[in-house]
Amino acid sequence: MPDRIVLTWTGDTTTTQTVTWRTSTDVSLAYCEIAEAEAGPQFPQRARRVNADTRA
């Protein structure tokens, strides 16, 4: 689990967003899941997984 999440914009703020987060150095595979919000509390089944670019 990340201990810090930051949302920023790069370039045109109407079409871009950048998400960065920090995790433990023990994490070897990082990804985020993006989904449109739905009415219920469960995470949507149609989430898109995006692999992260990891850096030390």
N, C-alpha and C. Protein backbone atom coordinates (compact mmCIF):
# COMPACT_ATOMS: atom_id res chain seq x y z
N MET A 1 0.83 -1.17 0.00
CA MET A 1 0.00 0.00 0.00
C MET A 1 0.88 1.24 0.00
N PRO A 2 0.52 2.23 -0.79
CA PRO A 2 1.30 3.46 -0.79
C PRO A 2 1.10 4.25 0.50
N ASP A 3 2.14 4.98 0.88
CA ASP A 3 2.01 5.83 2.06
C ASP A 3 1.92 7.30 1.68
N ARG A 4 1.99 7.58 0.38
CA ARG A 4 1.85 8.95 -0.10
C ARG A 4 1.37 8.90 -1.55
N ILE A 5 0.31 9.61 -1.88
CA ILE A 5 -0.23 9.66 -3.24
C ILE A 5 -0.36 11.12 -3.63
N VAL A 6 0.14 11.48 -4.84
CA VAL A 6 0.11 12.86 -5.31
C VAL A 6 -0.50 12.90 -6.71
N LEU A 7 -1.47 13.79 -6.92
CA LEU A 7 -2.08 13.99 -8.23
C LEU A 7 -1.64 15.36 -8.74
N THR A 8 -1.05 15.39 -9.93
CA THR A 8 -0.61 16.64 -10.54
C THR A 8 -1.02 16.66 -12.00
N TRP A 9 -0.87 17.80 -12.63
CA TRP A 9 -1.19 17.93 -14.04
C TRP A 9 0.07 18.32 -14.79
N THR A 10 0.18 17.80 -16.02
CA THR A 10 1.32 18.15 -16.87
C THR A 10 0.77 18.65 -18.19
N GLY A 11 1.17 19.83 -18.59
CA GLY A 11 0.64 20.37 -19.84
C GLY A 11 -0.78 20.88 -19.67
N ASP A 12 -1.65 20.52 -20.60
CA ASP A 12 -3.04 20.97 -20.63
C ASP A 12 -3.82 20.34 -19.47
N THR A 13 -4.28 21.15 -18.55
CA THR A 13 -4.97 20.62 -17.36
C THR A 13 -6.34 20.02 -17.67
N THR A 14 -6.85 20.24 -18.86
CA THR A 14 -8.15 19.65 -19.22
C THR A 14 -8.00 18.24 -19.76
N THR A 15 -6.77 17.82 -20.10
CA THR A 15 -6.60 16.50 -20.72
C THR A 15 -5.51 15.64 -20.10
N THR A 16 -4.79 16.13 -19.10
CA THR A 16 -3.70 15.34 -18.53
C THR A 16 -3.79 15.27 -17.01
N GLN A 17 -3.33 14.17 -16.47
CA GLN A 17 -3.16 14.01 -15.03
C GLN A 17 -2.00 13.05 -14.82
N THR A 18 -1.22 13.30 -13.79
CA THR A 18 -0.12 12.41 -13.42
C THR A 18 -0.31 12.00 -11.97
N VAL A 19 -0.22 10.71 -11.72
CA VAL A 19 -0.35 10.19 -10.37
C VAL A 19 0.99 9.59 -9.96
N THR A 20 1.51 10.02 -8.82
CA THR A 20 2.73 9.42 -8.29
C THR A 20 2.44 8.94 -6.87
N TRP A 21 3.13 7.89 -6.48
CA TRP A 21 2.96 7.38 -5.12
C TRP A 21 4.25 6.75 -4.64
N ARG A 22 4.35 6.64 -3.34
CA ARG A 22 5.54 6.08 -2.70
C ARG A 22 5.13 4.84 -1.92
N THR A 23 5.94 3.79 -2.07
CA THR A 23 5.70 2.55 -1.33
C THR A 23 7.01 2.10 -0.68
N SER A 24 6.93 1.02 0.03
CA SER A 24 8.11 0.41 0.62
C SER A 24 9.05 -0.08 -0.48
N THR A 25 10.34 -0.13 -0.20
CA THR A 25 11.29 -0.66 -1.18
C THR A 25 11.11 -2.16 -1.38
N ASP A 26 10.32 -2.81 -0.54
CA ASP A 26 10.03 -4.23 -0.69
C ASP A 26 9.07 -4.51 -1.85
N VAL A 27 8.38 -3.48 -2.34
CA VAL A 27 7.43 -3.65 -3.44
C VAL A 27 8.20 -3.83 -4.74
N SER A 28 7.95 -4.95 -5.43
CA SER A 28 8.68 -5.21 -6.68
C SER A 28 7.81 -5.02 -7.92
N LEU A 29 6.50 -5.05 -7.77
CA LEU A 29 5.58 -4.87 -8.90
C LEU A 29 4.54 -3.83 -8.50
N ALA A 30 4.54 -2.71 -9.21
CA ALA A 30 3.61 -1.64 -8.87
C ALA A 30 2.67 -1.38 -10.04
N TYR A 31 1.42 -1.11 -9.71
CA TYR A 31 0.42 -0.77 -10.71
C TYR A 31 -0.70 0.02 -10.05
N CYS A 32 -1.50 0.67 -10.88
CA CYS A 32 -2.70 1.32 -10.37
C CYS A 32 -3.88 0.78 -11.14
N GLU A 33 -5.04 0.89 -10.57
CA GLU A 33 -6.27 0.49 -11.23
C GLU A 33 -7.16 1.72 -11.35
N ILE A 34 -7.62 1.98 -12.56
CA ILE A 34 -8.41 3.17 -12.85
C ILE A 34 -9.81 2.73 -13.27
N ALA A 35 -10.82 3.34 -12.68
CA ALA A 35 -12.19 2.98 -13.02
C ALA A 35 -13.11 4.18 -12.81
N GLU A 36 -14.15 4.22 -13.60
CA GLU A 36 -15.17 5.24 -13.42
C GLU A 36 -16.00 4.88 -12.18
N ALA A 37 -16.33 5.86 -11.39
CA ALA A 37 -17.10 5.62 -10.17
C ALA A 37 -18.48 5.08 -10.51
N GLU A 38 -18.96 4.16 -9.67
CA GLU A 38 -20.30 3.61 -9.80
C GLU A 38 -21.09 3.93 -8.54
N ALA A 39 -22.36 3.58 -8.51
CA ALA A 39 -23.23 3.95 -7.40
C ALA A 39 -22.91 3.22 -6.09
N GLY A 40 -22.41 1.99 -6.16
CA GLY A 40 -22.18 1.20 -4.96
C GLY A 40 -20.78 1.38 -4.40
N PRO A 41 -20.53 0.80 -3.22
CA PRO A 41 -19.24 0.95 -2.56
C PRO A 41 -18.14 0.01 -3.09
N GLN A 42 -18.51 -1.00 -3.86
CA GLN A 42 -17.52 -1.94 -4.37
C GLN A 42 -16.70 -1.29 -5.49
N PHE A 43 -15.45 -1.78 -5.62
CA PHE A 43 -14.62 -1.29 -6.71
C PHE A 43 -15.17 -1.84 -8.01
N PRO A 44 -15.32 -1.02 -9.05
CA PRO A 44 -15.92 -1.46 -10.31
C PRO A 44 -15.19 -2.65 -10.93
N GLN A 45 -15.95 -3.53 -11.54
CA GLN A 45 -15.39 -4.71 -12.19
C GLN A 45 -14.65 -4.37 -13.48
N ARG A 46 -14.94 -3.22 -14.06
CA ARG A 46 -14.32 -2.85 -15.34
C ARG A 46 -13.12 -1.92 -15.15
N ALA A 47 -12.39 -2.12 -14.10
CA ALA A 47 -11.21 -1.29 -13.85
C ALA A 47 -10.11 -1.62 -14.85
N ARG A 48 -9.34 -0.61 -15.20
CA ARG A 48 -8.21 -0.79 -16.10
C ARG A 48 -6.93 -0.76 -15.27
N ARG A 49 -6.08 -1.76 -15.44
CA ARG A 49 -4.82 -1.83 -14.70
C ARG A 49 -3.71 -1.22 -15.55
N VAL A 50 -2.92 -0.35 -14.92
CA VAL A 50 -1.80 0.31 -15.59
C VAL A 50 -0.54 0.02 -14.78
N ASN A 51 0.45 -0.58 -15.43
CA ASN A 51 1.72 -0.85 -14.75
C ASN A 51 2.46 0.45 -14.48
N ALA A 52 3.11 0.50 -13.34
CA ALA A 52 3.83 1.71 -12.94
C ALA A 52 5.28 1.66 -13.41
N ASP A 53 5.85 2.83 -13.55
CA ASP A 53 7.28 2.99 -13.82
C ASP A 53 7.93 3.15 -12.46
N THR A 54 8.67 2.15 -12.01
CA THR A 54 9.24 2.19 -10.67
C THR A 54 10.65 2.76 -10.68
N ARG A 55 10.95 3.52 -9.64
CA ARG A 55 12.28 4.13 -9.49
C ARG A 55 12.69 4.04 -8.04
N ALA A 56 13.97 3.89 -7.82
CA ALA A 56 14.49 3.82 -6.44
C ALA A 56 14.87 5.19 -5.95
